[in-house]
N, C-alpha and C. Protein backbone atom coordinates (compact mmCIF):
# COMPACT_ATOMS: atom_id res chain seq x y z
N MET A 1 -39.77 50.90 0.72
CA MET A 1 -39.10 50.11 -0.44
C MET A 1 -39.93 50.44 -1.74
N ASN A 2 -39.70 50.93 -2.48
CA ASN A 2 -40.33 50.19 -4.16
C ASN A 2 -40.31 49.73 -4.64
N ASN A 3 -41.08 48.30 -4.78
CA ASN A 3 -40.33 47.25 -5.31
C ASN A 3 -40.43 47.33 -6.53
N THR A 4 -39.68 47.61 -7.55
CA THR A 4 -39.43 47.98 -9.35
C THR A 4 -39.27 46.39 -10.31
N SER A 5 -39.35 45.49 -8.94
CA SER A 5 -38.95 44.34 -10.80
C SER A 5 -40.19 44.35 -11.35
N LYS A 6 -39.77 43.44 -12.44
CA LYS A 6 -41.06 43.43 -13.75
C LYS A 6 -41.19 42.22 -13.73
N THR A 7 -40.36 41.02 -12.70
CA THR A 7 -40.98 39.48 -12.56
C THR A 7 -42.04 39.13 -12.32
N ASN A 8 -42.92 38.54 -13.40
CA ASN A 8 -44.20 37.97 -12.70
C ASN A 8 -44.05 37.14 -11.88
N TRP A 9 -43.89 37.07 -10.51
CA TRP A 9 -43.54 36.34 -9.63
C TRP A 9 -44.59 34.93 -9.55
N GLU A 10 -45.94 35.45 -10.01
CA GLU A 10 -46.92 34.43 -9.78
C GLU A 10 -46.60 33.24 -10.97
N LYS A 11 -46.22 33.75 -12.42
CA LYS A 11 -46.20 32.97 -13.37
C LYS A 11 -44.89 31.95 -12.57
N LEU A 12 -44.36 32.71 -12.37
CA LEU A 12 -43.41 31.71 -11.91
C LEU A 12 -42.98 31.14 -10.61
N ASP A 13 -43.07 31.53 -9.86
CA ASP A 13 -44.20 30.32 -8.66
C ASP A 13 -45.19 28.79 -9.23
N SER A 14 -45.70 29.43 -10.51
CA SER A 14 -46.64 28.00 -10.44
C SER A 14 -45.68 27.01 -12.16
N LEU A 15 -44.57 27.98 -12.02
CA LEU A 15 -43.77 26.52 -12.87
C LEU A 15 -43.78 25.41 -12.09
N THR A 16 -43.57 24.35 -12.82
CA THR A 16 -42.76 23.31 -12.40
C THR A 16 -41.97 23.04 -12.53
N GLU A 17 -41.15 21.19 -12.42
CA GLU A 17 -39.53 21.31 -12.82
C GLU A 17 -39.57 21.34 -14.08
N GLU A 18 -40.96 20.32 -14.63
CA GLU A 18 -40.92 19.62 -16.53
C GLU A 18 -40.88 21.41 -17.24
N ASP A 19 -41.99 22.58 -16.77
CA ASP A 19 -41.88 23.74 -17.80
C ASP A 19 -40.84 24.19 -17.41
N ILE A 20 -39.69 24.11 -17.14
CA ILE A 20 -38.22 24.41 -16.93
C ILE A 20 -36.99 24.11 -18.03
N ASP A 21 -36.72 25.43 -19.00
CA ASP A 21 -36.35 24.61 -20.01
C ASP A 21 -34.64 24.25 -19.68
N THR A 22 -34.32 23.74 -19.32
CA THR A 22 -32.93 23.43 -18.84
C THR A 22 -31.89 22.29 -20.19
N SER A 23 -32.10 22.61 -21.88
CA SER A 23 -31.03 22.85 -22.36
C SER A 23 -30.14 23.13 -22.66
N ASP A 24 -30.08 24.99 -22.35
CA ASP A 24 -28.29 25.31 -22.70
C ASP A 24 -27.77 25.11 -21.67
N ILE A 25 -27.96 24.57 -20.49
CA ILE A 25 -26.64 24.34 -18.93
C ILE A 25 -26.11 23.44 -19.59
N ALA A 26 -24.88 23.47 -19.29
CA ALA A 26 -23.32 22.54 -19.29
C ALA A 26 -24.24 21.82 -18.75
N PRO A 27 -23.72 20.74 -18.76
CA PRO A 27 -23.35 19.13 -18.87
C PRO A 27 -21.91 19.35 -17.07
N LEU A 28 -22.26 18.95 -15.91
CA LEU A 28 -21.52 19.18 -14.64
C LEU A 28 -20.33 17.84 -14.89
N THR A 29 -19.64 18.20 -15.50
CA THR A 29 -18.58 17.10 -15.80
C THR A 29 -17.26 16.58 -14.59
N GLU A 30 -17.04 15.71 -15.06
CA GLU A 30 -14.98 15.26 -13.17
C GLU A 30 -14.28 17.07 -13.94
N GLU A 31 -13.94 17.04 -14.52
CA GLU A 31 -13.35 18.78 -14.73
C GLU A 31 -14.01 19.10 -14.28
N PHE A 32 -15.00 19.84 -14.26
CA PHE A 32 -15.67 20.97 -13.24
C PHE A 32 -15.64 20.48 -12.12
N PHE A 33 -15.97 19.50 -11.29
CA PHE A 33 -15.68 19.35 -10.41
C PHE A 33 -13.94 19.23 -9.06
N SER A 34 -13.44 19.10 -11.05
CA SER A 34 -11.76 18.42 -10.03
C SER A 34 -11.94 19.89 -10.05
N GLN A 35 -12.17 21.43 -10.54
CA GLN A 35 -11.72 22.62 -10.41
C GLN A 35 -12.51 23.26 -9.19
N SER A 36 -12.89 22.90 -8.74
CA SER A 36 -14.05 23.58 -7.38
C SER A 36 -13.44 23.40 -6.59
N ARG A 37 -14.19 23.85 -5.53
CA ARG A 37 -13.47 24.30 -4.33
C ARG A 37 -14.55 23.81 -3.11
N TRP A 38 -14.07 23.11 -2.14
CA TRP A 38 -15.64 23.28 -1.11
C TRP A 38 -15.31 25.21 -0.33
N TRP A 39 -16.42 25.46 0.05
CA TRP A 39 -16.36 26.90 0.62
C TRP A 39 -17.51 26.70 1.37
N GLN A 40 -17.42 26.74 2.79
CA GLN A 40 -18.24 27.20 3.27
C GLN A 40 -18.43 28.28 4.44
N PRO A 41 -19.59 29.38 4.29
CA PRO A 41 -19.93 30.85 4.85
C PRO A 41 -19.04 30.70 6.49
N VAL A 42 -18.43 32.29 6.57
CA VAL A 42 -18.36 31.86 8.13
C VAL A 42 -19.71 32.07 8.62
N GLU A 43 -19.29 32.54 10.13
CA GLU A 43 -20.45 32.78 10.75
C GLU A 43 -19.75 34.31 11.44
N LEU A 44 -20.45 35.61 10.74
CA LEU A 44 -20.02 36.70 11.87
C LEU A 44 -20.46 37.19 12.89
N LEU A 45 -19.68 37.81 13.27
CA LEU A 45 -19.95 38.24 14.68
C LEU A 45 -20.13 39.66 15.48
N ASN A 46 -21.60 40.51 14.77
CA ASN A 46 -20.63 42.27 15.60
C ASN A 46 -20.38 42.06 16.93
N VAL A 47 -19.67 42.81 16.75
CA VAL A 47 -19.23 43.88 17.99
C VAL A 47 -18.67 45.13 18.09
N LEU A 48 -18.37 45.15 19.17
CA LEU A 48 -18.57 47.18 19.49
C LEU A 48 -17.02 47.37 19.72
N VAL A 49 -15.78 48.03 18.77
CA VAL A 49 -14.91 48.30 18.64
C VAL A 49 -14.41 49.42 18.91
N PRO A 50 -13.93 50.75 20.12
CA PRO A 50 -13.78 51.80 19.45
C PRO A 50 -12.01 51.77 18.31
N VAL A 51 -12.90 53.60 17.61
CA VAL A 51 -12.18 53.14 16.33
C VAL A 51 -11.97 54.86 17.21
N ASP A 52 -10.33 55.66 16.84
CA ASP A 52 -10.76 56.39 16.92
C ASP A 52 -11.41 57.62 15.43
N ALA A 53 -11.70 59.45 16.11
CA ALA A 53 -12.34 59.72 14.95
C ALA A 53 -11.86 59.44 13.48
N ASN A 54 -10.30 60.00 13.18
CA ASN A 54 -9.17 59.90 11.76
C ASN A 54 -9.57 58.69 11.36
N THR A 55 -9.49 57.76 12.22
CA THR A 55 -9.39 56.42 11.19
C THR A 55 -11.27 55.95 10.56
N PHE A 56 -11.31 55.95 11.46
CA PHE A 56 -13.08 56.45 11.12
C PHE A 56 -13.80 56.78 9.52
N ALA A 57 -13.71 57.86 10.34
CA ALA A 57 -14.10 58.96 8.88
C ALA A 57 -12.67 58.68 8.08
N TRP A 58 -11.70 58.00 7.69
CA TRP A 58 -11.29 57.61 5.99
C TRP A 58 -11.74 56.64 5.80
N PHE A 59 -12.43 55.04 7.18
CA PHE A 59 -13.04 54.80 5.81
C PHE A 59 -14.21 55.00 5.56
N GLN A 60 -14.17 55.54 6.60
CA GLN A 60 -16.22 56.34 5.79
C GLN A 60 -15.77 56.89 4.72
N SER A 61 -15.12 57.57 4.46
CA SER A 61 -14.49 58.32 2.96
C SER A 61 -14.45 57.04 1.86
N GLN A 62 -14.25 55.86 1.96
CA GLN A 62 -13.86 55.26 1.22
C GLN A 62 -15.13 54.31 0.41
N GLY A 63 -15.77 54.92 1.14
CA GLY A 63 -17.45 54.07 0.65
C GLY A 63 -18.66 54.01 1.79
N ALA A 64 -19.83 53.59 0.89
CA ALA A 64 -21.29 53.13 2.15
C ALA A 64 -20.50 52.49 2.35
N ASP A 65 -19.33 50.94 2.20
CA ASP A 65 -19.98 49.89 2.65
C ASP A 65 -18.22 49.96 3.73
N CYS A 66 -18.25 51.20 4.29
CA CYS A 66 -16.86 51.12 5.72
C CYS A 66 -16.85 49.97 6.09
N GLU A 67 -17.97 49.53 6.96
CA GLU A 67 -17.62 47.98 7.63
C GLU A 67 -17.67 47.46 7.18
N LYS A 68 -17.18 46.77 5.87
CA LYS A 68 -17.10 45.39 5.73
C LYS A 68 -15.36 45.96 4.89
N LYS A 69 -14.60 46.93 5.01
CA LYS A 69 -13.93 47.00 4.68
C LYS A 69 -13.31 47.04 5.89
N MET A 70 -13.67 47.52 6.99
CA MET A 70 -13.28 47.49 8.37
C MET A 70 -12.90 46.05 9.01
N ALA A 71 -13.91 45.41 8.52
CA ALA A 71 -13.31 44.12 8.46
C ALA A 71 -12.51 43.42 8.06
N ALA A 72 -12.11 44.04 6.60
CA ALA A 72 -11.54 43.48 5.86
C ALA A 72 -10.03 43.43 6.25
N ALA A 73 -9.85 45.03 6.85
CA ALA A 73 -8.62 45.44 7.67
C ALA A 73 -8.08 44.27 7.81
N LEU A 74 -9.17 44.59 9.23
CA LEU A 74 -8.71 43.73 10.58
C LEU A 74 -8.02 42.63 9.84
N LYS A 75 -9.13 41.58 9.39
CA LYS A 75 -8.66 39.95 8.72
C LYS A 75 -6.95 39.85 8.37
N ILE A 76 -7.07 40.52 7.37
CA ILE A 76 -5.22 41.10 6.29
C ILE A 76 -4.54 41.54 7.16
N TYR A 77 -4.87 42.15 8.90
CA TYR A 77 -4.05 42.19 9.95
C TYR A 77 -3.89 40.99 10.75
N ALA A 78 -5.02 40.29 11.45
CA ALA A 78 -4.79 39.32 12.21
C ALA A 78 -4.05 38.11 10.99
N GLU A 79 -4.00 37.83 9.35
CA GLU A 79 -3.31 36.90 8.72
C GLU A 79 -2.45 36.76 8.81
N ALA A 80 -1.38 38.43 8.40
CA ALA A 80 -0.17 38.89 8.24
C ALA A 80 0.11 38.76 10.03
N HIS A 81 -0.60 38.33 11.09
CA HIS A 81 0.25 37.96 11.80
C HIS A 81 0.05 36.43 12.23
N GLN A 82 -0.09 35.80 11.50
CA GLN A 82 -0.42 34.19 11.77
C GLN A 82 -1.21 34.07 12.91
N VAL A 83 -1.92 34.60 13.07
CA VAL A 83 -3.60 34.57 14.34
C VAL A 83 -4.39 33.06 13.75
N ASN A 84 -4.54 32.26 14.04
CA ASN A 84 -5.63 31.01 13.05
C ASN A 84 -6.67 31.21 13.42
N LEU A 85 -7.72 31.23 11.96
CA LEU A 85 -8.55 32.12 12.15
C LEU A 85 -9.56 30.82 11.65
């Protein structure tokens, strides 16, 4: 894999908190926090599920992230059938 980043990582690593200009960052107000929501990442499991060739071919034809789409379809199915997730 080629690293095409033009970032000067050594310079970035040498910055201190005082070197970082935060003047353009908006303050975090009560309004901001009242509109936010708590989100916790879900642990993903890798499982082996038999899928017929035609169904798998269809998911593959939907793009490179076919595994994510299959997982999303399974989650939608489970939610539609009121399975506690």
